Amino acid sequence: MSYTLERLRQGGVPPLLKGITDKAGWEAKRTDIRRRWHEAIGGIPPSVPVRYEVLAEEEEERHTRLHLRYETVYGDVVTAYLLMPKASPGLAGGKLPAVVALHQTDREGKAEIAKRTGRPNLRYGLELADRGYVVLAPDTITAGERIYEGAGAFQTAPFYERYPEWSAVGKMIADHRQGVDLLVSLDRVDAARIGAIGHSLGGYNAIFLAGADERIRAVVSSCGFATFTGDSNPGRWGRRDWFSHIPAISDALERGEVPFEWHEIAALAAPTPLFNWSGQSDSIFPHWQAIVQAMGDLHGLYDWLGAADRMLSLDGTSPHDFPLPVRAAAYAFLDMWLKGTGEAGKTEIQ
């Protein structure tokens, strides 16, 4: 079902479990949410076989950074950094947990989160590598080494010229699933312990990836969750003169509707462990009251599924950022669900 903007304005975030009395009812609703989601984003094509090439290799103090590119759907390639810890106790069989680290809206793309040149609060890819995770930090389309020739960063017009019936969101999910395929293929990675983390653009992409790929066993989103409810600019998700996420959203908005509420999309991943961080001083997503309401309703679903401890949503007074105390809590959350070695209380950032 779709929602009118007037209904969201008057009634707030629609309850996930309204009218649901048993697990079969929830699975039927989740199937309907997934159908509406895939219709909006233009679907997610199957992955292609894993093929990649290493372009360069650099040594850091505690990890090795590989510059590589790997094949993705429809003949495209993704550029990325793969960070391999030099020394780590690993898990059973000597394998390591891994994360797909997704960057925010920054033209530098992967470098911002995986190199020491990145902003201090956003080097989470590098920090996780130094904590013993294998980290894949890809460029999303329109950023880093994937800026279309003749276009600026985050200009999606060339993409839509080639794929008018698809969406940038569908493309990003397909590319990131291909990244999970790559991680699974590596001998040093424990395929049962792969997570996703991101800030802003990377935050909601991490949530989207978790909902599309059951191999993601824990997800962290920093300032990447918002709602249509309470948003004075819902058109941010549709057609724009720069990064157009989902063109179908604009068509729905012209009818005064939206095809889903965003916590429904996050619910596709439930009960995958989820850590969410939002700031009340976030100038990009300032409607924090509705965000808190949606997170509370989503936690109600986790609780109903018998997995209340798998979700942690923090709401603070910070701006659109990923401050150190929150990153420490996020890393402890990942340690708890991906390492399972009693390190959940270890919060120092090395």
Protein backbone atom coordinates (compact mmCIF):
# COMPACT_ATOMS: atom_id res chain seq x y z
CA MET A 1 0.00 0.00 0.00
CA SER A 2 1.05 3.59 -0.59
CA TYR A 3 0.55 6.48 1.81
CA THR A 4 -0.75 9.97 1.18
CA LEU A 5 1.42 12.78 2.47
CA GLU A 6 -1.63 14.13 4.27
CA ARG A 7 -2.06 10.83 6.11
CA LEU A 8 1.58 10.91 7.23
CA ARG A 9 1.25 14.55 8.29
CA GLN A 10 -1.78 13.84 10.43
CA GLY A 11 -1.13 10.30 11.65
CA GLY A 12 2.65 10.11 11.86
CA VAL A 13 4.72 7.05 11.05
CA PRO A 14 2.47 4.10 10.05
CA PRO A 15 2.86 1.18 12.51
CA LEU A 16 4.67 -1.79 11.04
CA LEU A 17 2.58 -4.32 12.94
CA LYS A 18 -0.86 -2.76 12.48
CA GLY A 19 -3.28 -5.60 11.78
CA ILE A 20 -0.53 -8.21 12.11
CA THR A 21 -1.36 -11.05 14.49
CA ASP A 22 1.14 -13.76 13.59
CA LYS A 23 4.43 -14.37 11.80
CA ALA A 24 2.67 -15.42 8.60
CA GLY A 25 0.93 -12.05 8.55
CA TRP A 26 4.25 -10.23 8.94
CA GLU A 27 5.91 -12.28 6.20
CA ALA A 28 3.04 -11.43 3.86
CA LYS A 29 3.45 -7.74 4.65
CA ARG A 30 7.22 -7.91 4.23
CA THR A 31 6.73 -9.55 0.83
CA ASP A 32 4.45 -6.67 -0.15
CA ILE A 33 6.98 -4.09 1.11
CA ARG A 34 9.73 -5.77 -0.91
CA ARG A 35 7.51 -5.77 -4.01
CA ARG A 36 6.79 -2.04 -3.68
CA TRP A 37 10.47 -1.34 -3.00
CA HIS A 38 11.69 -3.24 -6.04
CA GLU A 39 9.05 -1.62 -8.23
CA ALA A 40 10.21 1.81 -7.09
CA ILE A 41 13.93 1.20 -7.56
CA GLY A 42 13.60 -0.76 -10.79
CA GLY A 43 14.70 -4.09 -9.37
CA ILE A 44 18.05 -5.62 -8.43
CA PRO A 45 19.67 -7.78 -11.14
CA PRO A 46 21.55 -10.99 -10.29
CA SER A 47 25.25 -10.66 -9.58
CA VAL A 48 27.91 -11.65 -12.09
CA PRO A 49 30.83 -14.02 -11.36
CA VAL A 50 33.55 -12.53 -9.15
CA ARG A 51 36.39 -11.06 -11.18
CA TYR A 52 38.77 -8.39 -9.94
CA GLU A 53 42.24 -7.02 -10.49
CA VAL A 54 44.63 -5.38 -8.04
CA LEU A 55 45.89 -2.04 -9.33
CA ALA A 56 48.26 -1.11 -6.49
CA GLU A 57 49.28 -2.11 -2.99
CA GLU A 58 50.38 0.10 -0.09
CA GLU A 59 51.57 -0.80 3.38
CA GLU A 60 50.17 0.94 6.44
CA GLU A 61 51.31 0.25 9.99
CA ARG A 62 48.63 -2.30 10.79
CA HIS A 63 47.03 -3.14 7.48
CA THR A 64 47.73 -3.43 3.77
CA ARG A 65 45.63 -1.33 1.41
CA LEU A 66 44.88 -2.85 -1.98
CA HIS A 67 43.59 -0.59 -4.73
CA LEU A 68 41.41 -2.74 -6.94
CA ARG A 69 38.50 -2.83 -9.31
CA TYR A 70 35.93 -5.56 -9.65
CA GLU A 71 33.28 -6.39 -12.19
CA THR A 72 29.62 -5.69 -11.53
CA VAL A 73 26.36 -6.00 -13.44
CA TYR A 74 25.86 -4.89 -17.02
CA GLY A 75 29.57 -4.72 -17.84
CA ASP A 76 30.44 -2.02 -15.29
CA VAL A 77 33.37 -2.04 -12.85
CA VAL A 78 33.65 -0.80 -9.26
CA THR A 79 36.84 0.79 -7.93
CA ALA A 80 37.55 0.12 -4.28
CA TYR A 81 40.08 -0.17 -1.50
CA LEU A 82 40.47 -3.50 0.25
CA LEU A 83 42.10 -3.18 3.66
CA MET A 84 43.70 -6.37 4.97
CA PRO A 85 44.85 -6.46 8.62
CA LYS A 86 48.46 -7.52 9.06
CA ALA A 87 48.02 -9.23 12.40
CA SER A 88 44.82 -10.40 14.04
CA PRO A 89 43.79 -13.41 16.10
CA GLY A 90 40.99 -14.06 13.63
CA LEU A 91 38.15 -16.48 14.26
CA ALA A 92 37.76 -20.21 13.89
CA GLY A 93 40.04 -21.48 11.16
CA GLY A 94 42.07 -18.27 11.22
CA LYS A 95 39.48 -16.33 9.22
CA LEU A 96 38.53 -12.70 9.89
CA PRO A 97 35.25 -10.80 10.07
CA ALA A 98 34.68 -8.31 7.27
CA VAL A 99 32.67 -5.17 6.57
CA VAL A 100 31.51 -3.34 3.50
CA ALA A 101 32.30 0.31 4.40
CA LEU A 102 30.20 2.75 2.38
CA HIS A 103 31.09 6.40 2.01
CA GLN A 104 29.00 9.53 2.38
CA THR A 105 28.29 12.19 -0.27
CA ASP A 106 31.89 13.22 -0.83
CA ARG A 107 33.57 13.45 -4.22
CA GLU A 108 36.64 11.62 -2.83
CA GLY A 109 34.49 8.55 -2.29
CA LYS A 110 36.31 5.58 -0.79
CA ALA A 111 39.42 7.60 0.13
CA GLU A 112 37.47 9.63 2.69
CA ILE A 113 36.77 6.59 4.83
CA ALA A 114 39.74 4.33 4.07
CA LYS A 115 42.77 6.66 4.11
CA ARG A 116 44.33 8.89 6.75
CA THR A 117 43.64 11.90 4.52
CA GLY A 118 39.93 11.55 5.31
CA ARG A 119 38.18 13.68 7.89
CA PRO A 120 38.87 12.36 11.42
CA ASN A 121 35.26 11.44 12.24
CA LEU A 122 34.73 9.65 8.93
CA ARG A 123 37.70 7.29 8.69
CA TYR A 124 35.64 4.35 9.90
CA GLY A 125 36.93 2.02 7.19
CA LEU A 126 40.51 2.59 8.28
CA GLU A 127 39.61 2.31 11.98
CA LEU A 128 37.82 -0.99 11.49
CA ALA A 129 40.76 -2.43 9.55
CA ASP A 130 42.99 -1.56 12.49
CA ARG A 131 40.52 -3.39 14.75
CA GLY A 132 41.02 -6.60 12.78
CA TYR A 133 38.32 -6.43 10.11
CA VAL A 134 38.84 -7.02 6.43
CA VAL A 135 37.32 -3.86 4.96
CA LEU A 136 36.00 -3.33 1.45
CA ALA A 137 35.48 0.38 0.74
CA PRO A 138 34.00 0.85 -2.76
CA ASP A 139 33.35 4.00 -4.73
CA THR A 140 29.66 4.48 -5.37
CA ILE A 141 28.60 5.66 -8.81
CA THR A 142 29.36 9.37 -9.41
CA ALA A 143 32.11 9.53 -6.73
CA GLY A 144 35.83 8.85 -6.44
CA GLU A 145 37.08 7.14 -9.57
CA ARG A 146 33.52 6.58 -10.83
CA ILE A 147 32.59 10.16 -11.72
CA TYR A 148 31.16 10.04 -15.22
CA GLU A 149 33.37 11.60 -17.88
CA GLY A 150 32.26 15.14 -18.63
CA ALA A 151 30.05 15.30 -15.53
CA GLY A 152 30.67 16.49 -11.99
CA ALA A 153 30.63 14.43 -8.83
CA PHE A 154 27.20 13.02 -7.93
CA GLN A 155 25.75 13.82 -11.34
CA THR A 156 23.52 10.89 -12.27
CA ALA A 157 22.27 12.17 -15.65
CA PRO A 158 24.67 9.91 -17.62
CA PHE A 159 23.42 6.90 -15.65
CA TYR A 160 19.78 7.63 -16.47
CA GLU A 161 20.59 8.21 -20.12
CA ARG A 162 21.73 4.59 -20.22
CA TYR A 163 19.20 3.13 -17.76
CA PRO A 164 16.01 5.24 -17.91
CA GLU A 165 13.89 2.53 -16.25
CA TRP A 166 16.30 1.81 -13.38
CA SER A 167 17.40 3.90 -10.38
CA ALA A 168 20.66 4.98 -8.77
CA VAL A 169 19.53 3.21 -5.59
CA GLY A 170 18.99 -0.07 -7.43
CA LYS A 171 22.39 0.35 -9.05
CA MET A 172 24.13 0.97 -5.73
CA ILE A 173 22.52 -2.09 -4.12
CA ALA A 174 23.60 -4.26 -7.06
CA ASP A 175 27.17 -2.95 -6.87
CA HIS A 176 27.39 -3.43 -3.10
CA ARG A 177 26.02 -6.99 -3.31
CA GLN A 178 28.79 -7.66 -5.82
CA GLY A 179 31.21 -6.40 -3.18
CA VAL A 180 29.84 -8.95 -0.71
CA ASP A 181 30.45 -11.62 -3.35
CA LEU A 182 34.08 -10.48 -3.54
CA LEU A 183 34.53 -10.63 0.23
CA VAL A 184 33.01 -14.11 0.39
CA SER A 185 35.52 -15.27 -2.23
CA LEU A 186 38.54 -14.28 -0.11
CA ASP A 187 40.30 -17.00 1.87
CA ARG A 188 40.88 -14.72 4.87
CA VAL A 189 37.20 -13.77 5.26
CA ASP A 190 34.69 -15.65 7.38
CA ALA A 191 31.64 -15.56 5.09
CA ALA A 192 29.31 -15.92 8.08
CA ARG A 193 30.61 -12.71 9.71
CA ILE A 194 30.16 -9.88 7.22
CA GLY A 195 28.69 -6.50 8.16
CA ALA A 196 27.96 -3.15 6.56
CA ILE A 197 28.63 0.37 7.85
CA GLY A 198 28.14 3.84 6.45
CA HIS A 199 27.51 7.50 7.17
CA SER A 200 24.81 9.59 5.45
CA LEU A 201 24.56 8.24 1.87
CA GLY A 202 26.62 5.29 3.05
CA GLY A 203 24.33 4.84 6.05
CA TYR A 204 21.14 4.31 4.12
CA ASN A 205 23.01 2.24 1.55
CA ALA A 206 24.14 -0.03 4.38
CA ILE A 207 20.51 -0.45 5.45
CA PHE A 208 19.42 -1.10 1.85
CA LEU A 209 22.19 -3.67 1.41
CA ALA A 210 21.20 -5.52 4.59
CA GLY A 211 17.61 -5.72 3.36
CA ALA A 212 18.72 -7.15 0.02
CA ASP A 213 21.45 -9.57 1.12
CA GLU A 214 21.07 -12.00 4.01
CA ARG A 215 24.86 -12.42 4.15
CA ILE A 216 25.02 -9.07 5.95
CA ARG A 217 24.96 -10.12 9.62
CA ALA A 218 25.16 -6.66 11.24
CA VAL A 219 24.61 -3.13 9.98
CA VAL A 220 25.61 0.32 11.26
CA SER A 221 24.01 3.49 9.92
CA SER A 222 25.19 6.95 10.99
CA CYS A 223 22.89 9.83 10.03
CA GLY A 224 21.56 7.70 7.20
CA PHE A 225 17.97 7.11 8.25
CA ALA A 226 15.11 9.51 7.64
CA THR A 227 11.35 9.40 7.10
CA PHE A 228 8.88 10.92 4.70
CA THR A 229 6.84 11.76 7.78
CA GLY A 230 7.83 15.23 8.94
CA ASP A 231 10.21 15.84 6.02
CA SER A 232 9.81 19.30 4.51
CA ASN A 233 11.76 18.15 1.44
CA PRO A 234 10.58 14.65 0.45
CA GLY A 235 11.61 15.40 -3.13
CA ARG A 236 15.22 14.82 -2.08
CA TRP A 237 14.59 11.13 -2.83
CA GLY A 238 13.31 11.68 -6.39
CA ARG A 239 14.46 13.48 -9.52
CA ARG A 240 16.93 16.32 -8.98
CA ASP A 241 19.42 18.27 -11.03
CA TRP A 242 22.27 16.38 -9.39
CA PHE A 243 22.00 12.99 -7.61
CA SER A 244 18.58 11.50 -8.37
CA HIS A 245 17.96 8.54 -6.08
CA ILE A 246 14.62 7.06 -7.18
CA PRO A 247 12.77 8.84 -10.02
CA ALA A 248 9.54 6.98 -9.20
CA ILE A 249 9.37 8.91 -5.92
CA SER A 250 8.82 12.13 -7.88
CA ASP A 251 5.95 10.55 -9.80
CA ALA A 252 4.32 9.47 -6.54
CA LEU A 253 4.83 12.88 -4.93
CA GLU A 254 3.04 14.52 -7.84
CA ARG A 255 0.02 12.47 -6.77
CA GLY A 256 0.51 13.49 -3.14
CA GLU A 257 1.66 10.00 -2.24
CA VAL A 258 4.73 7.98 -1.30
CA PRO A 259 5.02 4.23 -2.05
CA PHE A 260 6.35 3.30 1.39
CA GLU A 261 7.72 4.76 4.60
CA TRP A 262 11.44 4.35 5.13
CA HIS A 263 11.29 2.25 8.30
CA GLU A 264 9.44 -0.33 6.20
CA ILE A 265 12.52 -0.60 4.00
CA ALA A 266 14.74 -0.93 7.08
CA ALA A 267 12.36 -3.66 8.32
CA LEU A 268 13.27 -5.83 5.32
CA ALA A 269 16.49 -6.66 7.16
CA ALA A 270 14.89 -7.50 10.52
CA PRO A 271 16.04 -9.20 12.68
CA THR A 272 19.58 -8.52 11.39
CA PRO A 273 21.44 -6.64 14.15
CA LEU A 274 21.05 -2.90 13.48
CA PHE A 275 22.83 0.07 15.05
CA ASN A 276 21.40 3.47 14.13
CA TRP A 277 22.68 6.93 15.03
CA SER A 278 20.80 10.18 14.42
CA GLY A 279 21.55 13.75 15.53
CA GLN A 280 18.98 16.32 16.61
CA SER A 281 21.13 19.07 15.10
CA ASP A 282 21.35 17.30 11.74
CA SER A 283 20.72 20.03 9.15
CA ILE A 284 20.17 17.47 6.36
CA PHE A 285 17.63 15.34 8.22
CA PRO A 286 16.32 17.82 10.82
CA HIS A 287 12.98 16.08 11.47
CA TRP A 288 14.40 14.02 14.30
CA GLN A 289 11.08 13.55 16.13
CA ALA A 290 9.64 11.47 13.27
CA ILE A 291 12.94 9.60 12.92
CA VAL A 292 12.81 8.68 16.61
CA GLN A 293 9.18 7.56 16.22
CA ALA A 294 10.09 5.35 13.26
CA MET A 295 13.05 3.82 15.08
CA GLY A 296 10.83 3.11 18.08
CA ASP A 297 8.29 1.37 15.87
CA LEU A 298 11.05 -0.62 14.16
CA HIS A 299 12.37 -1.71 17.55
CA GLY A 300 8.85 -2.85 18.36
CA LEU A 301 9.08 -5.19 15.39
CA TYR A 302 12.46 -6.51 16.55
CA ASP A 303 10.97 -7.10 20.00
CA TRP A 304 7.92 -8.87 18.50
CA LEU A 305 10.31 -11.09 16.52
CA GLY A 306 12.10 -12.00 19.76
CA ALA A 307 15.20 -10.01 18.85
CA ALA A 308 14.98 -6.79 20.88
CA ASP A 309 18.68 -7.02 21.78
CA ARG A 310 19.65 -6.97 18.10
CA MET A 311 18.67 -3.35 17.58
CA LEU A 312 20.18 -0.24 19.15
CA SER A 313 19.13 3.25 18.04
CA LEU A 314 20.89 6.27 19.53
CA ASP A 315 19.62 9.84 19.28
CA GLY A 316 21.87 12.72 20.33
CA THR A 317 22.35 16.45 19.97
CA SER A 318 25.12 16.30 17.37
CA PRO A 319 25.00 17.60 13.79
CA HIS A 320 25.31 15.44 10.65
CA ASP A 321 28.48 13.68 11.79
CA PHE A 322 29.83 10.41 13.21
CA PRO A 323 31.53 11.54 16.46
CA LEU A 324 34.08 9.41 18.30
CA PRO A 325 31.85 8.24 21.21
CA VAL A 326 29.22 7.05 18.74
CA ARG A 327 31.80 5.30 16.55
CA ALA A 328 33.15 3.56 19.64
CA ALA A 329 29.67 2.28 20.47
CA ALA A 330 29.13 1.25 16.84
CA TYR A 331 32.40 -0.69 16.74
CA ALA A 332 31.52 -2.45 20.00
CA PHE A 333 28.18 -3.39 18.44
CA LEU A 334 29.93 -4.86 15.40
CA ASP A 335 32.40 -6.69 17.64
CA MET A 336 29.53 -8.24 19.57
CA TRP A 337 27.71 -9.53 16.50
CA LEU A 338 30.58 -10.25 14.11
CA LYS A 339 33.38 -11.31 16.42
CA GLY A 340 31.38 -12.88 19.22
CA THR A 341 34.50 -13.02 21.36
CA GLY A 342 33.36 -11.07 24.39
CA GLU A 343 34.84 -7.85 23.04
CA ALA A 344 31.57 -5.96 23.01
CA GLY A 345 32.70 -3.80 25.89
CA LYS A 346 35.96 -2.84 24.22
CA THR A 347 35.33 0.68 22.96
CA GLU A 348 38.74 2.22 22.45
CA ILE A 349 39.50 3.36 18.91
CA GLN A 350 43.02 2.48 17.83
